[in-house]
Amino acid sequence: MSAESDQSPRFVYWLQMISGFGPSAKVFAVVFECSHASVDDINAELRQHGTVSGSRLETTDDGKGGRLIRNRTGFLFGVAGLATVQTYHKKCWEPAE
């Protein structure tokens, strides 16, 4: 786990993002981890600061209905390009170091 995740509770969300405009626009999804405990908290952060920072999680199926975290990378998003935010309902975990 990263030092940041050891300092505060982390929550996982499913983001749907839009890249581009018009007919060439592409929709993509990101598994996103941050310290905001609810979608309402993310909304408040976007209203106050315009962006939300956290980590993009690279995950793989664990064969038990959950997701194994393979890697974390810093990720920042704002209102532009954001389609939806919802709680990620699959259990995400990573092996102990």
N, C-alpha and C. Protein backbone atom coordinates (compact mmCIF):
# COMPACT_ATOMS: atom_id res chain seq x y z
N MET A 1 0.84 -1.19 0.00
CA MET A 1 0.00 0.00 0.00
C MET A 1 0.87 1.24 0.00
N SER A 2 0.34 2.30 -0.54
CA SER A 2 1.10 3.55 -0.56
C SER A 2 1.05 4.21 0.82
N ALA A 3 1.98 5.11 1.07
CA ALA A 3 2.01 5.82 2.35
C ALA A 3 0.72 6.60 2.56
N GLU A 4 0.18 7.16 1.47
CA GLU A 4 -1.06 7.94 1.58
C GLU A 4 -2.21 7.07 2.06
N SER A 5 -2.30 5.83 1.55
CA SER A 5 -3.42 4.97 1.94
C SER A 5 -3.27 4.50 3.38
N ASP A 6 -2.05 4.49 3.92
CA ASP A 6 -1.85 4.12 5.31
C ASP A 6 -2.28 5.22 6.26
N GLN A 7 -2.38 6.46 5.79
CA GLN A 7 -2.68 7.60 6.65
C GLN A 7 -4.16 7.85 6.84
N SER A 8 -5.01 7.47 5.90
CA SER A 8 -6.43 7.74 6.03
C SER A 8 -7.22 6.64 5.34
N PRO A 9 -8.48 6.47 5.74
CA PRO A 9 -9.30 5.46 5.07
C PRO A 9 -9.43 5.78 3.59
N ARG A 10 -9.51 4.75 2.77
CA ARG A 10 -9.61 4.92 1.33
C ARG A 10 -10.92 4.30 0.86
N PHE A 11 -11.56 4.94 -0.12
CA PHE A 11 -12.84 4.49 -0.66
C PHE A 11 -12.70 4.36 -2.17
N VAL A 12 -13.40 3.38 -2.74
CA VAL A 12 -13.24 3.06 -4.16
C VAL A 12 -14.53 3.39 -4.92
N TYR A 13 -14.34 4.02 -6.09
CA TYR A 13 -15.44 4.46 -6.94
C TYR A 13 -15.21 4.02 -8.37
N TRP A 14 -16.29 3.98 -9.14
CA TRP A 14 -16.27 3.69 -10.57
C TRP A 14 -16.57 5.01 -11.26
N LEU A 15 -15.63 5.53 -12.03
CA LEU A 15 -15.81 6.77 -12.77
C LEU A 15 -16.03 6.43 -14.24
N GLN A 16 -17.00 7.07 -14.85
CA GLN A 16 -17.13 7.01 -16.30
C GLN A 16 -16.76 8.40 -16.81
N MET A 17 -15.82 8.42 -17.73
CA MET A 17 -15.28 9.67 -18.25
C MET A 17 -15.52 9.73 -19.76
N ILE A 18 -15.54 10.96 -20.29
CA ILE A 18 -15.69 11.17 -21.73
C ILE A 18 -14.48 11.95 -22.22
N SER A 19 -13.89 11.45 -23.28
CA SER A 19 -12.74 12.11 -23.90
C SER A 19 -13.14 12.51 -25.31
N GLY A 20 -12.97 13.76 -25.64
CA GLY A 20 -13.31 14.24 -26.98
C GLY A 20 -14.70 14.83 -27.03
N PHE A 21 -15.11 15.22 -28.25
CA PHE A 21 -16.39 15.89 -28.44
C PHE A 21 -17.13 15.30 -29.62
N GLY A 22 -18.45 15.42 -29.60
CA GLY A 22 -19.27 15.02 -30.73
C GLY A 22 -19.16 13.54 -31.05
N PRO A 23 -19.26 13.21 -32.33
CA PRO A 23 -19.26 11.80 -32.73
C PRO A 23 -17.95 11.08 -32.45
N SER A 24 -16.86 11.81 -32.28
CA SER A 24 -15.57 11.17 -32.01
C SER A 24 -15.31 10.98 -30.52
N ALA A 25 -16.25 11.39 -29.67
CA ALA A 25 -16.08 11.25 -28.22
C ALA A 25 -15.99 9.78 -27.83
N LYS A 26 -15.13 9.47 -26.88
CA LYS A 26 -14.95 8.11 -26.37
C LYS A 26 -15.27 8.09 -24.88
N VAL A 27 -15.97 7.06 -24.46
CA VAL A 27 -16.28 6.87 -23.04
C VAL A 27 -15.33 5.81 -22.50
N PHE A 28 -14.76 6.06 -21.32
CA PHE A 28 -13.91 5.08 -20.68
C PHE A 28 -14.18 5.09 -19.18
N ALA A 29 -13.79 4.03 -18.51
CA ALA A 29 -14.05 3.89 -17.08
C ALA A 29 -12.74 3.78 -16.32
N VAL A 30 -12.77 4.25 -15.07
CA VAL A 30 -11.61 4.23 -14.19
C VAL A 30 -12.08 3.73 -12.83
N VAL A 31 -11.33 2.78 -12.25
CA VAL A 31 -11.53 2.42 -10.85
C VAL A 31 -10.67 3.40 -10.06
N PHE A 32 -11.31 4.20 -9.21
CA PHE A 32 -10.67 5.34 -8.56
C PHE A 32 -10.75 5.20 -7.05
N GLU A 33 -9.64 5.45 -6.37
CA GLU A 33 -9.57 5.36 -4.91
C GLU A 33 -9.20 6.73 -4.35
N CYS A 34 -9.93 7.16 -3.30
CA CYS A 34 -9.62 8.44 -2.68
C CYS A 34 -10.06 8.42 -1.22
N SER A 35 -9.86 9.52 -0.52
CA SER A 35 -10.23 9.60 0.90
C SER A 35 -11.65 10.10 1.12
N HIS A 36 -12.38 10.42 0.05
CA HIS A 36 -13.76 10.90 0.19
C HIS A 36 -14.70 9.73 0.43
N ALA A 37 -15.48 9.80 1.51
CA ALA A 37 -16.28 8.67 1.97
C ALA A 37 -17.58 8.47 1.19
N SER A 38 -17.98 9.42 0.35
CA SER A 38 -19.24 9.27 -0.38
C SER A 38 -19.19 10.06 -1.69
N VAL A 39 -20.14 9.74 -2.57
CA VAL A 39 -20.27 10.49 -3.82
C VAL A 39 -20.60 11.95 -3.51
N ASP A 40 -21.40 12.19 -2.46
CA ASP A 40 -21.71 13.57 -2.05
C ASP A 40 -20.45 14.32 -1.64
N ASP A 41 -19.52 13.64 -0.97
CA ASP A 41 -18.25 14.29 -0.60
C ASP A 41 -17.43 14.64 -1.84
N ILE A 42 -17.44 13.76 -2.83
CA ILE A 42 -16.74 14.05 -4.09
C ILE A 42 -17.39 15.25 -4.77
N ASN A 43 -18.72 15.29 -4.79
CA ASN A 43 -19.44 16.42 -5.37
C ASN A 43 -19.06 17.73 -4.68
N ALA A 44 -19.01 17.72 -3.36
CA ALA A 44 -18.64 18.92 -2.60
C ALA A 44 -17.21 19.36 -2.94
N GLU A 45 -16.30 18.40 -3.07
CA GLU A 45 -14.91 18.71 -3.43
C GLU A 45 -14.83 19.33 -4.83
N LEU A 46 -15.60 18.78 -5.77
CA LEU A 46 -15.63 19.34 -7.12
C LEU A 46 -16.18 20.75 -7.11
N ARG A 47 -17.23 20.99 -6.33
CA ARG A 47 -17.81 22.34 -6.26
C ARG A 47 -16.85 23.35 -5.63
N GLN A 48 -16.14 22.91 -4.60
CA GLN A 48 -15.24 23.83 -3.90
C GLN A 48 -13.92 24.04 -4.63
N HIS A 49 -13.31 22.96 -5.13
CA HIS A 49 -11.97 23.06 -5.69
C HIS A 49 -11.89 22.80 -7.19
N GLY A 50 -12.92 22.19 -7.77
CA GLY A 50 -12.93 21.92 -9.20
C GLY A 50 -12.27 20.62 -9.63
N THR A 51 -11.53 20.00 -8.72
CA THR A 51 -10.87 18.73 -9.02
C THR A 51 -10.90 17.82 -7.80
N VAL A 52 -10.70 16.54 -8.05
CA VAL A 52 -10.57 15.54 -6.99
C VAL A 52 -9.33 14.72 -7.31
N SER A 53 -8.49 14.50 -6.32
CA SER A 53 -7.28 13.71 -6.55
C SER A 53 -7.34 12.41 -5.76
N GLY A 54 -6.65 11.44 -6.26
CA GLY A 54 -6.59 10.13 -5.62
C GLY A 54 -5.71 9.22 -6.45
N SER A 55 -6.12 7.97 -6.57
CA SER A 55 -5.35 6.99 -7.33
C SER A 55 -6.23 6.23 -8.30
N ARG A 56 -5.70 6.00 -9.48
CA ARG A 56 -6.34 5.10 -10.43
C ARG A 56 -5.83 3.71 -10.08
N LEU A 57 -6.75 2.75 -9.94
CA LEU A 57 -6.37 1.39 -9.59
C LEU A 57 -6.37 0.51 -10.82
N GLU A 58 -5.29 -0.20 -11.03
CA GLU A 58 -5.25 -1.23 -12.06
C GLU A 58 -5.57 -2.52 -11.34
N THR A 59 -6.68 -3.16 -11.73
CA THR A 59 -7.14 -4.35 -11.03
C THR A 59 -7.30 -5.53 -11.99
N THR A 60 -7.40 -6.70 -11.43
CA THR A 60 -7.67 -7.91 -12.18
C THR A 60 -8.64 -8.77 -11.39
N ASP A 61 -9.38 -9.61 -12.08
CA ASP A 61 -10.34 -10.50 -11.43
C ASP A 61 -9.60 -11.44 -10.49
N ASP A 62 -10.11 -11.60 -9.27
CA ASP A 62 -9.45 -12.49 -8.31
C ASP A 62 -10.03 -13.90 -8.31
N GLY A 63 -11.03 -14.14 -9.16
CA GLY A 63 -11.64 -15.46 -9.24
C GLY A 63 -12.64 -15.75 -8.14
N LYS A 64 -12.87 -14.78 -7.24
CA LYS A 64 -13.78 -14.96 -6.12
C LYS A 64 -14.84 -13.86 -6.08
N GLY A 65 -15.03 -13.15 -7.18
CA GLY A 65 -16.02 -12.07 -7.23
C GLY A 65 -15.47 -10.71 -6.84
N GLY A 66 -14.18 -10.63 -6.55
CA GLY A 66 -13.56 -9.36 -6.17
C GLY A 66 -12.51 -8.95 -7.19
N ARG A 67 -11.76 -7.92 -6.85
CA ARG A 67 -10.72 -7.40 -7.72
C ARG A 67 -9.41 -7.28 -6.94
N LEU A 68 -8.34 -7.82 -7.50
CA LEU A 68 -7.01 -7.73 -6.93
C LEU A 68 -6.36 -6.46 -7.47
N ILE A 69 -5.86 -5.61 -6.59
CA ILE A 69 -5.19 -4.37 -6.99
C ILE A 69 -3.77 -4.73 -7.43
N ARG A 70 -3.47 -4.44 -8.69
CA ARG A 70 -2.14 -4.70 -9.25
C ARG A 70 -1.21 -3.49 -9.13
N ASN A 71 -1.80 -2.29 -9.26
CA ASN A 71 -0.98 -1.08 -9.26
C ASN A 71 -1.86 0.13 -8.95
N ARG A 72 -1.24 1.16 -8.38
CA ARG A 72 -1.89 2.45 -8.13
C ARG A 72 -1.07 3.52 -8.84
N THR A 73 -1.76 4.45 -9.50
CA THR A 73 -1.08 5.60 -10.08
C THR A 73 -1.89 6.84 -9.71
N GLY A 74 -1.19 7.95 -9.50
CA GLY A 74 -1.88 9.19 -9.18
C GLY A 74 -2.87 9.55 -10.28
N PHE A 75 -4.02 10.06 -9.88
CA PHE A 75 -5.06 10.41 -10.85
C PHE A 75 -5.84 11.59 -10.32
N LEU A 76 -6.11 12.54 -11.19
CA LEU A 76 -6.83 13.76 -10.86
C LEU A 76 -7.91 13.96 -11.91
N PHE A 77 -9.13 14.27 -11.48
CA PHE A 77 -10.18 14.56 -12.45
C PHE A 77 -10.97 15.77 -12.02
N GLY A 78 -11.63 16.38 -12.98
CA GLY A 78 -12.49 17.53 -12.73
C GLY A 78 -13.85 17.29 -13.37
N VAL A 79 -14.68 18.33 -13.35
CA VAL A 79 -16.03 18.22 -13.90
C VAL A 79 -15.99 17.98 -15.40
N ALA A 80 -15.09 18.66 -16.10
CA ALA A 80 -14.99 18.48 -17.56
C ALA A 80 -14.60 17.04 -17.86
N GLY A 81 -15.39 16.37 -18.64
CA GLY A 81 -15.10 15.00 -19.02
C GLY A 81 -15.69 13.95 -18.11
N LEU A 82 -16.22 14.36 -16.96
CA LEU A 82 -16.81 13.40 -16.03
C LEU A 82 -18.25 13.11 -16.40
N ALA A 83 -18.58 11.85 -16.59
CA ALA A 83 -19.95 11.46 -16.90
C ALA A 83 -20.69 11.03 -15.63
N THR A 84 -20.12 10.04 -14.91
CA THR A 84 -20.76 9.55 -13.68
C THR A 84 -19.72 9.15 -12.65
N VAL A 85 -20.14 9.17 -11.39
CA VAL A 85 -19.36 8.63 -10.28
C VAL A 85 -20.31 7.75 -9.48
N GLN A 86 -19.88 6.53 -9.20
CA GLN A 86 -20.69 5.66 -8.34
C GLN A 86 -19.77 4.83 -7.46
N THR A 87 -20.30 4.37 -6.36
CA THR A 87 -19.55 3.51 -5.46
C THR A 87 -19.20 2.21 -6.20
N TYR A 88 -17.98 1.76 -6.04
CA TYR A 88 -17.55 0.51 -6.65
C TYR A 88 -17.97 -0.63 -5.73
N HIS A 89 -18.78 -1.55 -6.21
CA HIS A 89 -19.39 -2.55 -5.34
C HIS A 89 -18.60 -3.85 -5.20
N LYS A 90 -17.55 -4.01 -5.99
CA LYS A 90 -16.73 -5.22 -5.84
C LYS A 90 -15.66 -4.96 -4.79
N LYS A 91 -15.35 -5.97 -4.02
CA LYS A 91 -14.30 -5.85 -3.02
C LYS A 91 -12.96 -5.73 -3.73
N CYS A 92 -12.18 -4.71 -3.38
CA CYS A 92 -10.83 -4.54 -3.92
C CYS A 92 -9.85 -4.81 -2.79
N TRP A 93 -8.81 -5.55 -3.09
CA TRP A 93 -7.81 -5.89 -2.08
C TRP A 93 -6.45 -6.02 -2.75
N GLU A 94 -5.42 -6.05 -1.94
CA GLU A 94 -4.08 -6.27 -2.46
C GLU A 94 -3.32 -7.16 -1.51
N PRO A 95 -2.41 -7.95 -2.04
CA PRO A 95 -1.66 -8.86 -1.18
C PRO A 95 -0.82 -8.09 -0.17
N ALA A 96 -0.64 -8.68 1.00
CA ALA A 96 0.22 -8.06 2.01
C ALA A 96 1.66 -8.07 1.50
N GLU A 97 2.38 -7.00 1.83
CA GLU A 97 3.77 -6.90 1.36
C GLU A 97 4.69 -7.71 2.25
